[in-house]
Amino acid sequence: MTLRKARMSDIPGILRLINGYAAKGLMLPRNGFELAENIRDFTVAAAGEDVHGCAALHFYGPTMAEVRSLAVNETLKGAGIGRLLVEALDAEARSFDLDLLFAFTYVPEFFTRLGYRQVDRGALPLKAWKDCLRCPKFQACDEIAVLKWLKPEAGLAARAADADADELIRIPVFRGN
């Protein structure tokens, strides 16, 4: 099994993984057009041409990104593929000098073992207004938001600026031109 950036030829395998979880209500479904448009976000775990795991690093402004579309072949769960994928995205995020990573998940314990902490979903406004609006669970979201500060000094500054830092981490909102 090797980790590498995704190629267009990986789209059918990535779709199979993501939409398999989507059929169980655990992820949002994706289509080939969406994947082609965002293929550069994806890293895959592959054996030859077979995709057994995938994850995407999706940017939200110059300081943060989301770990999204993390999926591993059901028969290989527990083999460490998910961990390797998230660690690869972490390294990629650091190479872009990002301050933080976040994710929405049903398995916060997995992310906690990788240095993330649970936060209130309201701390991540960019995510809520971009992708969540099309989610059928938007009004009753049951996913848990997790966040990892890649630069501890950025996290300390954000907490110091927020009077309710113990209750909620306020993430700086990027407002483009």
Protein backbone atom coordinates (compact mmCIF):
# COMPACT_ATOMS: atom_id res chain seq x y z
CA MET A 1 0.00 0.00 0.00
CA THR A 2 1.38 3.39 -0.93
CA LEU A 3 0.16 6.91 -0.24
CA ARG A 4 0.17 9.35 -3.15
CA LYS A 5 -1.69 12.31 -4.54
CA ALA A 6 -4.80 11.22 -6.42
CA ARG A 7 -4.98 10.99 -10.20
CA MET A 8 -7.99 11.32 -12.46
CA SER A 9 -7.89 7.54 -12.96
CA ASP A 10 -8.56 7.16 -9.20
CA ILE A 11 -11.97 8.83 -9.41
CA PRO A 12 -13.99 5.57 -9.74
CA GLY A 13 -12.24 4.07 -6.70
CA ILE A 14 -12.66 7.24 -4.63
CA LEU A 15 -16.34 7.43 -5.59
CA ARG A 16 -16.83 3.80 -4.57
CA LEU A 17 -15.37 4.48 -1.11
CA ILE A 18 -17.11 7.78 -0.44
CA ASN A 19 -20.50 6.80 -1.82
CA GLY A 20 -20.37 3.49 0.04
CA TYR A 21 -20.23 5.45 3.29
CA ALA A 22 -22.76 7.99 1.97
CA ALA A 23 -25.27 5.16 1.39
CA LYS A 24 -25.06 4.50 5.14
CA GLY A 25 -25.60 8.19 5.97
CA LEU A 26 -22.02 8.62 7.18
CA MET A 27 -20.76 10.99 4.48
CA LEU A 28 -22.14 13.31 1.86
CA PRO A 29 -22.38 11.65 -1.55
CA ARG A 30 -20.06 12.93 -4.26
CA ASN A 31 -20.18 12.70 -8.04
CA GLY A 32 -17.48 12.39 -10.66
CA PHE A 33 -17.67 16.05 -11.61
CA GLU A 34 -17.07 17.18 -8.01
CA LEU A 35 -14.16 14.81 -7.66
CA ALA A 36 -12.58 15.87 -10.94
CA GLU A 37 -12.91 19.50 -9.89
CA ASN A 38 -11.23 18.79 -6.53
CA ILE A 39 -8.88 15.92 -7.41
CA ARG A 40 -5.82 17.94 -6.32
CA ASP A 41 -7.22 17.95 -2.76
CA PHE A 42 -7.09 14.15 -2.53
CA THR A 43 -4.47 11.77 -1.26
CA VAL A 44 -5.10 8.05 -1.74
CA ALA A 45 -3.85 4.81 -0.25
CA ALA A 46 -3.46 2.50 -3.21
CA ALA A 47 -2.17 -0.94 -4.03
CA GLY A 48 -1.37 -0.81 -7.71
CA GLU A 49 -4.38 0.78 -9.35
CA ASP A 50 -6.79 -0.18 -6.53
CA VAL A 51 -7.77 2.68 -4.19
CA HIS A 52 -8.26 1.41 -0.62
CA GLY A 53 -8.42 4.73 1.18
CA CYS A 54 -8.80 8.43 0.46
CA ALA A 55 -8.84 11.78 2.20
CA ALA A 56 -8.89 15.37 1.01
CA LEU A 57 -7.29 18.57 2.28
CA HIS A 58 -9.73 21.34 1.39
CA PHE A 59 -8.58 24.93 1.94
CA TYR A 60 -10.67 27.62 3.64
CA GLY A 61 -8.68 30.79 3.22
CA PRO A 62 -4.98 31.28 3.85
CA THR A 63 -4.87 29.91 7.41
CA MET A 64 -7.03 26.80 7.61
CA ALA A 65 -8.14 23.65 5.84
CA GLU A 66 -10.57 20.83 6.39
CA VAL A 67 -9.77 17.14 6.43
CA ARG A 68 -12.69 15.77 4.45
CA SER A 69 -13.83 12.68 2.59
CA LEU A 70 -11.76 10.36 4.77
CA ALA A 71 -12.77 6.85 3.76
CA VAL A 72 -11.09 3.46 4.06
CA ASN A 73 -12.10 0.17 2.51
CA GLU A 74 -14.29 -1.57 5.13
CA THR A 75 -12.19 -4.75 4.99
CA LEU A 76 -9.04 -2.77 5.88
CA LYS A 77 -10.40 -0.73 8.80
CA GLY A 78 -8.08 -0.83 11.78
CA ALA A 79 -4.97 -1.37 9.64
CA GLY A 80 -3.76 2.22 10.16
CA ILE A 81 -4.65 3.52 6.70
CA GLY A 82 -6.86 6.31 8.05
CA ARG A 83 -4.09 7.43 10.39
CA LEU A 84 -1.55 7.47 7.55
CA LEU A 85 -3.90 9.50 5.36
CA VAL A 86 -4.58 12.11 8.06
CA GLU A 87 -0.88 12.33 8.91
CA ALA A 88 -0.11 12.91 5.22
CA LEU A 89 -2.71 15.72 5.09
CA ASP A 90 -1.24 17.18 8.28
CA ALA A 91 2.21 17.28 6.64
CA GLU A 92 0.74 18.81 3.50
CA ALA A 93 -1.05 21.49 5.56
CA ARG A 94 2.19 22.32 7.34
CA SER A 95 3.95 22.65 3.97
CA PHE A 96 1.37 25.34 3.12
CA ASP A 97 2.10 27.05 6.46
CA LEU A 98 -1.50 26.70 7.68
CA ASP A 99 -2.47 27.53 11.26
CA LEU A 100 -5.10 24.85 11.77
CA LEU A 101 -6.98 21.84 10.45
CA PHE A 102 -10.55 20.86 11.23
CA ALA A 103 -12.92 18.05 10.42
CA PHE A 104 -16.52 17.02 10.96
CA THR A 105 -16.77 13.42 12.09
CA TYR A 106 -18.77 10.65 13.69
CA VAL A 107 -15.60 9.20 15.23
CA PRO A 108 -14.00 12.03 17.25
CA GLU A 109 -11.91 9.50 19.20
CA PHE A 110 -9.96 8.72 16.03
CA PHE A 111 -9.08 12.39 15.56
CA THR A 112 -8.38 12.92 19.27
CA ARG A 113 -5.65 10.27 19.06
CA LEU A 114 -4.11 12.39 16.28
CA GLY A 115 -4.00 15.62 18.30
CA TYR A 116 -7.42 17.12 17.50
CA ARG A 117 -9.86 18.42 20.11
CA GLN A 118 -13.61 18.77 19.97
CA VAL A 119 -14.99 22.26 19.35
CA ASP A 120 -18.41 23.77 18.93
CA ARG A 121 -19.54 23.64 15.28
CA GLY A 122 -20.31 27.35 15.52
CA ALA A 123 -16.57 27.99 15.78
CA LEU A 124 -16.25 27.04 12.11
CA PRO A 125 -18.53 29.47 10.25
CA LEU A 126 -16.95 29.11 6.82
CA LYS A 127 -17.72 25.41 6.75
CA ALA A 128 -21.30 25.85 7.88
CA TRP A 129 -22.21 28.27 5.15
CA LYS A 130 -20.38 26.63 2.28
CA ASP A 131 -20.94 22.88 2.30
CA CYS A 132 -23.37 22.21 5.10
CA LEU A 133 -26.22 24.08 3.40
CA ARG A 134 -26.66 21.23 0.91
CA CYS A 135 -26.54 18.53 3.56
CA PRO A 136 -29.86 16.83 4.38
CA LYS A 137 -28.85 16.92 8.06
CA PHE A 138 -28.20 20.68 8.07
CA GLN A 139 -30.94 21.50 10.59
CA ALA A 140 -30.11 18.52 12.82
CA CYS A 141 -26.40 17.91 12.31
CA ASP A 142 -25.05 15.09 14.43
CA GLU A 143 -21.43 15.29 13.32
CA ILE A 144 -18.81 16.44 15.80
CA ALA A 145 -16.39 19.24 14.92
CA VAL A 146 -12.73 18.63 15.74
CA LEU A 147 -9.82 21.00 15.34
CA LYS A 148 -6.03 20.79 15.48
CA TRP A 149 -3.80 23.83 15.83
CA LEU A 150 -0.71 23.30 13.67
CA LYS A 151 0.88 26.41 15.14
CA PRO A 152 0.36 26.49 18.91
CA GLU A 153 1.01 30.25 18.97
CA ALA A 154 -1.94 30.84 16.61
CA GLY A 155 -4.20 28.81 18.89
CA LEU A 156 -3.05 30.70 21.97
CA ALA A 157 -3.66 34.04 20.29
CA ALA A 158 -7.17 32.99 19.23
CA ARG A 159 -8.00 31.77 22.73
CA ALA A 160 -6.64 34.94 24.35
CA ALA A 161 -8.79 37.08 22.06
CA ASP A 162 -11.94 35.22 23.05
CA ALA A 163 -13.41 35.87 26.49
CA ASP A 164 -15.20 32.51 26.34
CA ALA A 165 -12.15 30.55 25.18
CA ASP A 166 -12.81 27.69 27.57
CA GLU A 167 -16.21 27.17 26.02
CA LEU A 168 -15.57 27.94 22.37
CA ILE A 169 -12.59 28.46 20.11
CA ARG A 170 -13.32 31.33 17.72
CA ILE A 171 -11.67 30.74 14.39
CA PRO A 172 -10.58 33.79 12.42
CA VAL A 173 -12.88 34.25 9.45
CA PHE A 174 -11.20 35.03 6.13
CA ARG A 175 -13.15 37.56 4.13
CA GLY A 176 -11.69 37.65 0.64
CA ASN A 177 -11.58 40.73 -1.54
